[in-house]
């Protein structure tokens, strides 16, 4: 039976970074529930939890992702960049990144958190941010060192967010066009489904009043709607 938390040396190997000051990474991996237990235990040890590092890590994360998005999407406006960044620094995304490196296996947790804490998205998110801060501080404030660890993990998330944002813009643009025309009614109707439950394909029509102005096929209804909106925009020569 595996005993948690796992040794920090394994985490260093996983992330490709060896800490000069081991106390920094220990603090980054210390959840408040563990620190509080030590304060009230028989020996009453004063242990710092990772909340301060989490605060710093949030800023480091925001700067690195903002710089990357700014450079990668050089021709896009500020609003587009903001939406991409928001999609990749959200709780769900950060918890996913933490899971990619198995971060939950290394966290120091109080007894009350041991059962579910290692898979708790909020704990994983906060610890991941604390880990970024720990690397930043241990590397003498080297943003590039943090980037070397972070970007291979998060670049795929950014690309996916960009694709989703482009798709979202099709429906948004079509809705804005329809609203500008006055009383026209835009709706998306699913006209077909095929395939097994685990791999369905949907066909959707975009209708303006009673007229079909676009059709789309996708693995989800949302994807099919986006494609239908794109076809409708092309029909009206909007984009």
Protein backbone atom coordinates (compact mmCIF):
# COMPACT_ATOMS: atom_id res chain seq x y z
CA UNK A 1 0.00 0.00 0.00
CA UNK A 2 1.34 3.40 -1.02
CA UNK A 3 1.94 5.88 1.78
CA UNK A 4 1.31 9.56 1.11
CA UNK A 5 2.76 12.07 0.73
CA UNK A 6 5.40 10.72 -1.61
CA UNK A 7 9.04 11.91 -1.28
CA UNK A 8 9.78 15.35 -2.70
CA UNK A 9 12.64 13.85 -4.74
CA UNK A 10 10.05 12.12 -6.94
CA UNK A 11 8.25 15.40 -7.55
CA UNK A 12 11.54 17.08 -8.50
CA UNK A 13 12.11 14.34 -11.05
CA UNK A 14 8.57 14.71 -12.37
CA UNK A 15 8.81 18.48 -12.89
CA UNK A 16 12.45 18.54 -14.00
CA UNK A 17 13.58 20.97 -11.32
CA UNK A 18 15.74 20.32 -8.23
CA UNK A 19 15.27 22.75 -5.36
CA UNK A 20 18.26 24.41 -3.75
CA UNK A 21 16.23 25.25 -0.63
CA UNK A 22 14.09 22.25 0.26
CA UNK A 23 12.11 24.26 2.83
CA UNK A 24 10.51 26.31 0.05
CA UNK A 25 8.99 23.32 -1.69
CA UNK A 26 7.95 21.79 1.63
CA UNK A 27 6.02 24.96 2.41
CA UNK A 28 4.47 24.95 -1.06
CA UNK A 29 3.17 21.44 -0.44
CA UNK A 30 1.80 22.18 3.04
CA UNK A 31 -1.97 22.62 3.15
CA UNK A 32 -3.44 24.78 5.92
CA UNK A 33 -5.20 21.75 7.44
CA UNK A 34 -1.83 20.12 8.12
CA UNK A 35 -0.25 23.30 9.46
CA UNK A 36 -3.19 23.88 11.81
CA UNK A 37 -2.99 20.34 13.15
CA UNK A 38 0.67 20.82 14.02
CA UNK A 39 -0.14 23.96 15.97
CA UNK A 40 -2.69 22.13 18.13
CA UNK A 41 -0.83 18.86 18.47
CA UNK A 42 1.16 17.62 21.44
CA UNK A 43 4.38 19.25 20.27
CA UNK A 44 2.70 22.41 18.92
CA UNK A 45 5.02 22.96 15.99
CA UNK A 46 4.63 26.20 14.10
CA UNK A 47 4.55 25.28 10.42
CA UNK A 48 3.84 27.70 7.60
CA UNK A 49 1.19 26.64 5.07
CA UNK A 50 1.27 27.42 1.36
CA UNK A 51 -1.25 30.29 1.30
CA UNK A 52 1.34 33.06 0.97
CA UNK A 53 3.10 31.18 -1.82
CA UNK A 54 -0.25 30.64 -3.49
CA UNK A 55 -0.74 34.42 -3.55
CA UNK A 56 2.62 34.97 -5.25
CA UNK A 57 2.18 32.02 -7.59
CA UNK A 58 -1.08 33.43 -8.89
CA UNK A 59 0.76 36.56 -10.05
CA UNK A 60 3.65 34.59 -11.55
CA UNK A 61 1.17 32.41 -13.44
CA UNK A 62 -0.75 35.41 -14.73
CA UNK A 63 2.40 37.18 -15.95
CA UNK A 64 3.85 34.18 -17.76
CA UNK A 65 0.60 33.20 -19.45
CA UNK A 66 -0.17 36.82 -20.35
CA UNK A 67 3.25 37.26 -21.95
CA UNK A 68 2.89 34.05 -23.94
CA UNK A 69 -0.66 34.86 -25.10
CA UNK A 70 0.34 38.44 -25.97
CA UNK A 71 3.16 37.20 -28.20
CA UNK A 72 1.33 34.22 -29.72
CA UNK A 73 -1.81 36.14 -30.66
CA UNK A 74 -0.14 39.35 -31.80
CA UNK A 75 -2.97 40.32 -34.17
CA UNK A 76 -5.84 39.87 -31.71
CA UNK A 77 -7.45 42.60 -29.55
CA UNK A 78 -7.23 42.89 -25.78
CA UNK A 79 -10.67 41.38 -25.20
CA UNK A 80 -9.71 38.19 -27.03
CA UNK A 81 -6.46 37.87 -25.08
CA UNK A 82 -8.31 38.35 -21.78
CA UNK A 83 -10.79 35.59 -22.57
CA UNK A 84 -8.01 33.15 -23.51
CA UNK A 85 -6.13 33.89 -20.29
CA UNK A 86 -9.29 33.53 -18.18
CA UNK A 87 -9.93 30.11 -19.71
CA UNK A 88 -6.49 28.74 -18.86
CA UNK A 89 -5.97 30.17 -15.37
CA UNK A 90 -9.37 29.07 -14.06
CA UNK A 91 -9.71 26.55 -11.23
CA UNK A 92 -10.63 23.65 -13.51
CA UNK A 93 -7.63 24.20 -15.78
CA UNK A 94 -5.13 24.57 -12.93
CA UNK A 95 -6.43 21.45 -11.19
CA UNK A 96 -5.98 19.62 -14.47
CA UNK A 97 -2.37 20.80 -14.73
CA UNK A 98 -1.77 19.66 -11.15
CA UNK A 99 -3.12 16.23 -12.03
CA UNK A 100 -0.79 16.00 -15.02
CA UNK A 101 2.20 15.98 -12.67
CA UNK A 102 0.46 13.97 -9.94
CA UNK A 103 0.76 16.86 -7.52
CA UNK A 104 -1.88 15.53 -5.13
CA UNK A 105 0.40 12.67 -4.11
CA UNK A 106 2.92 15.07 -2.56
CA UNK A 107 0.69 17.39 -0.51
CA UNK A 108 0.88 17.47 3.30
CA UNK A 109 -2.73 17.27 4.46
CA UNK A 110 -4.48 17.22 7.81
CA UNK A 111 -6.32 14.04 8.83
CA UNK A 112 -9.66 15.57 7.88
CA UNK A 113 -8.53 16.16 4.30
CA UNK A 114 -6.72 12.86 3.71
CA UNK A 115 -9.72 11.03 2.25
CA UNK A 116 -10.53 13.42 -0.62
CA UNK A 117 -7.99 16.24 -0.36
CA UNK A 118 -5.57 14.81 -2.90
CA UNK A 119 -8.24 14.99 -5.60
CA UNK A 120 -9.93 18.17 -4.38
CA UNK A 121 -9.75 20.63 -7.34
CA UNK A 122 -9.42 23.70 -5.10
CA UNK A 123 -6.56 22.20 -3.09
CA UNK A 124 -4.83 21.10 -6.30
CA UNK A 125 -5.27 24.54 -7.87
CA UNK A 126 -3.85 26.35 -4.85
CA UNK A 127 -0.93 23.96 -4.47
CA UNK A 128 -0.05 24.27 -8.14
CA UNK A 129 0.14 28.06 -7.79
CA UNK A 130 2.27 27.64 -4.65
CA UNK A 131 4.58 25.32 -6.60
CA UNK A 132 5.09 28.00 -9.27
CA UNK A 133 5.99 30.51 -6.55
CA UNK A 134 8.41 28.03 -4.97
CA UNK A 135 10.25 27.52 -8.27
CA UNK A 136 10.28 31.29 -8.82
CA UNK A 137 11.80 32.04 -5.41
CA UNK A 138 14.21 29.11 -5.40
CA UNK A 139 15.55 30.04 -8.86
CA UNK A 140 16.40 33.58 -7.68
CA UNK A 141 13.23 35.09 -9.17
CA UNK A 142 13.77 33.57 -12.62
CA UNK A 143 10.59 33.88 -14.67
CA UNK A 144 12.26 31.91 -17.47
CA UNK A 145 12.88 28.96 -15.15
CA UNK A 146 9.21 28.88 -14.17
CA UNK A 147 8.27 29.19 -17.85
CA UNK A 148 10.40 26.16 -18.75
CA UNK A 149 8.30 24.10 -16.38
CA UNK A 150 4.90 25.74 -16.98
CA UNK A 151 4.66 26.28 -20.73
CA UNK A 152 4.92 22.65 -21.87
CA UNK A 153 2.00 21.93 -19.54
CA UNK A 154 -0.21 24.91 -20.32
CA UNK A 155 0.45 25.59 -24.03
CA UNK A 156 -2.00 22.86 -25.09
CA UNK A 157 -4.66 24.41 -22.84
CA UNK A 158 -4.05 27.79 -24.48
CA UNK A 159 -4.39 26.34 -28.00
CA UNK A 160 -7.65 24.64 -27.03
CA UNK A 161 -8.98 27.83 -25.46
CA UNK A 162 -8.12 29.69 -28.65
CA UNK A 163 -10.09 27.19 -30.75
CA UNK A 164 -13.06 27.46 -28.42
CA UNK A 165 -12.92 31.25 -28.48
CA UNK A 166 -12.94 31.32 -32.29
CA UNK A 167 -15.96 29.02 -32.27
CA UNK A 168 -17.70 31.13 -29.66
CA UNK A 169 -17.17 34.21 -31.82
CA UNK A 170 -19.21 32.66 -34.67
CA UNK A 171 -22.36 32.44 -32.55
CA UNK A 172 -21.70 35.80 -30.93
CA UNK A 173 -21.18 37.51 -34.29
CA UNK A 174 -24.30 35.94 -35.77
CA UNK A 175 -26.39 36.94 -32.75
CA UNK A 176 -25.14 40.52 -32.99
CA UNK A 177 -25.97 40.59 -36.70
CA UNK A 178 -29.50 39.29 -36.08
CA UNK A 179 -30.13 41.75 -33.25
CA UNK A 180 -29.10 44.59 -35.51
CA UNK A 181 -31.81 43.61 -38.01
CA UNK A 182 -34.63 44.07 -35.51
CA UNK A 183 -37.35 41.48 -35.06
CA UNK A 184 -35.79 38.42 -36.69
CA UNK A 185 -35.75 35.28 -34.55
CA UNK A 186 -32.59 33.15 -34.49
CA UNK A 187 -32.71 29.59 -33.22
CA UNK A 188 -30.63 26.42 -33.40
CA UNK A 189 -32.48 23.17 -33.97
CA UNK A 190 -30.98 19.69 -33.68
CA UNK A 191 -32.28 17.82 -36.72
CA UNK A 192 -30.28 14.62 -36.42
CA UNK A 193 -28.28 12.35 -34.13
CA UNK A 194 -26.25 9.29 -35.08
CA UNK A 195 -23.76 6.89 -33.54
CA UNK A 196 -23.52 5.15 -30.15
CA UNK A 197 -24.01 7.06 -26.89
CA UNK A 198 -20.27 7.34 -26.24
CA UNK A 199 -19.52 8.69 -29.73
CA UNK A 200 -22.54 10.57 -31.02
CA UNK A 201 -22.63 12.95 -33.96
CA UNK A 202 -25.15 15.80 -34.03
CA UNK A 203 -26.55 17.82 -36.94
CA UNK A 204 -27.90 21.28 -36.21
CA UNK A 205 -29.66 23.88 -38.36
CA UNK A 206 -29.43 27.60 -37.71
CA UNK A 207 -32.79 29.16 -38.60
CA UNK A 208 -33.67 32.79 -39.04
CA UNK A 209 -37.44 32.90 -38.64
CA UNK A 210 -38.46 29.92 -40.82
CA UNK A 211 -35.41 29.99 -43.09
CA UNK A 212 -32.42 27.67 -42.71
CA UNK A 213 -29.32 29.84 -42.94
CA UNK A 214 -26.67 27.36 -41.85
CA UNK A 215 -26.02 23.71 -41.03
CA UNK A 216 -23.36 22.16 -38.84
CA UNK A 217 -22.25 18.69 -37.78
CA UNK A 218 -20.21 18.01 -34.64
CA UNK A 219 -19.46 15.61 -31.81
CA UNK A 220 -21.48 17.83 -29.47
CA UNK A 221 -24.56 19.98 -30.04
CA UNK A 222 -22.50 23.04 -29.15
CA UNK A 223 -19.87 22.25 -31.78
CA UNK A 224 -22.58 21.67 -34.37
CA UNK A 225 -24.22 24.99 -33.48
CA UNK A 226 -20.92 26.83 -33.88
CA UNK A 227 -20.41 25.34 -37.33
CA UNK A 228 -23.97 26.23 -38.32
CA UNK A 229 -23.37 29.81 -37.18
CA UNK A 230 -20.13 29.93 -39.18
CA UNK A 231 -21.93 28.81 -42.32
CA UNK A 232 -24.65 31.41 -41.72
CA UNK A 233 -22.05 34.17 -41.38
CA UNK A 234 -20.49 33.10 -44.65
CA UNK A 235 -23.94 33.20 -46.26
CA UNK A 236 -24.30 36.82 -45.22
CA UNK A 237 -20.66 37.51 -46.16
CA UNK A 238 -19.92 38.71 -42.63
CA UNK A 239 -16.77 36.66 -42.09
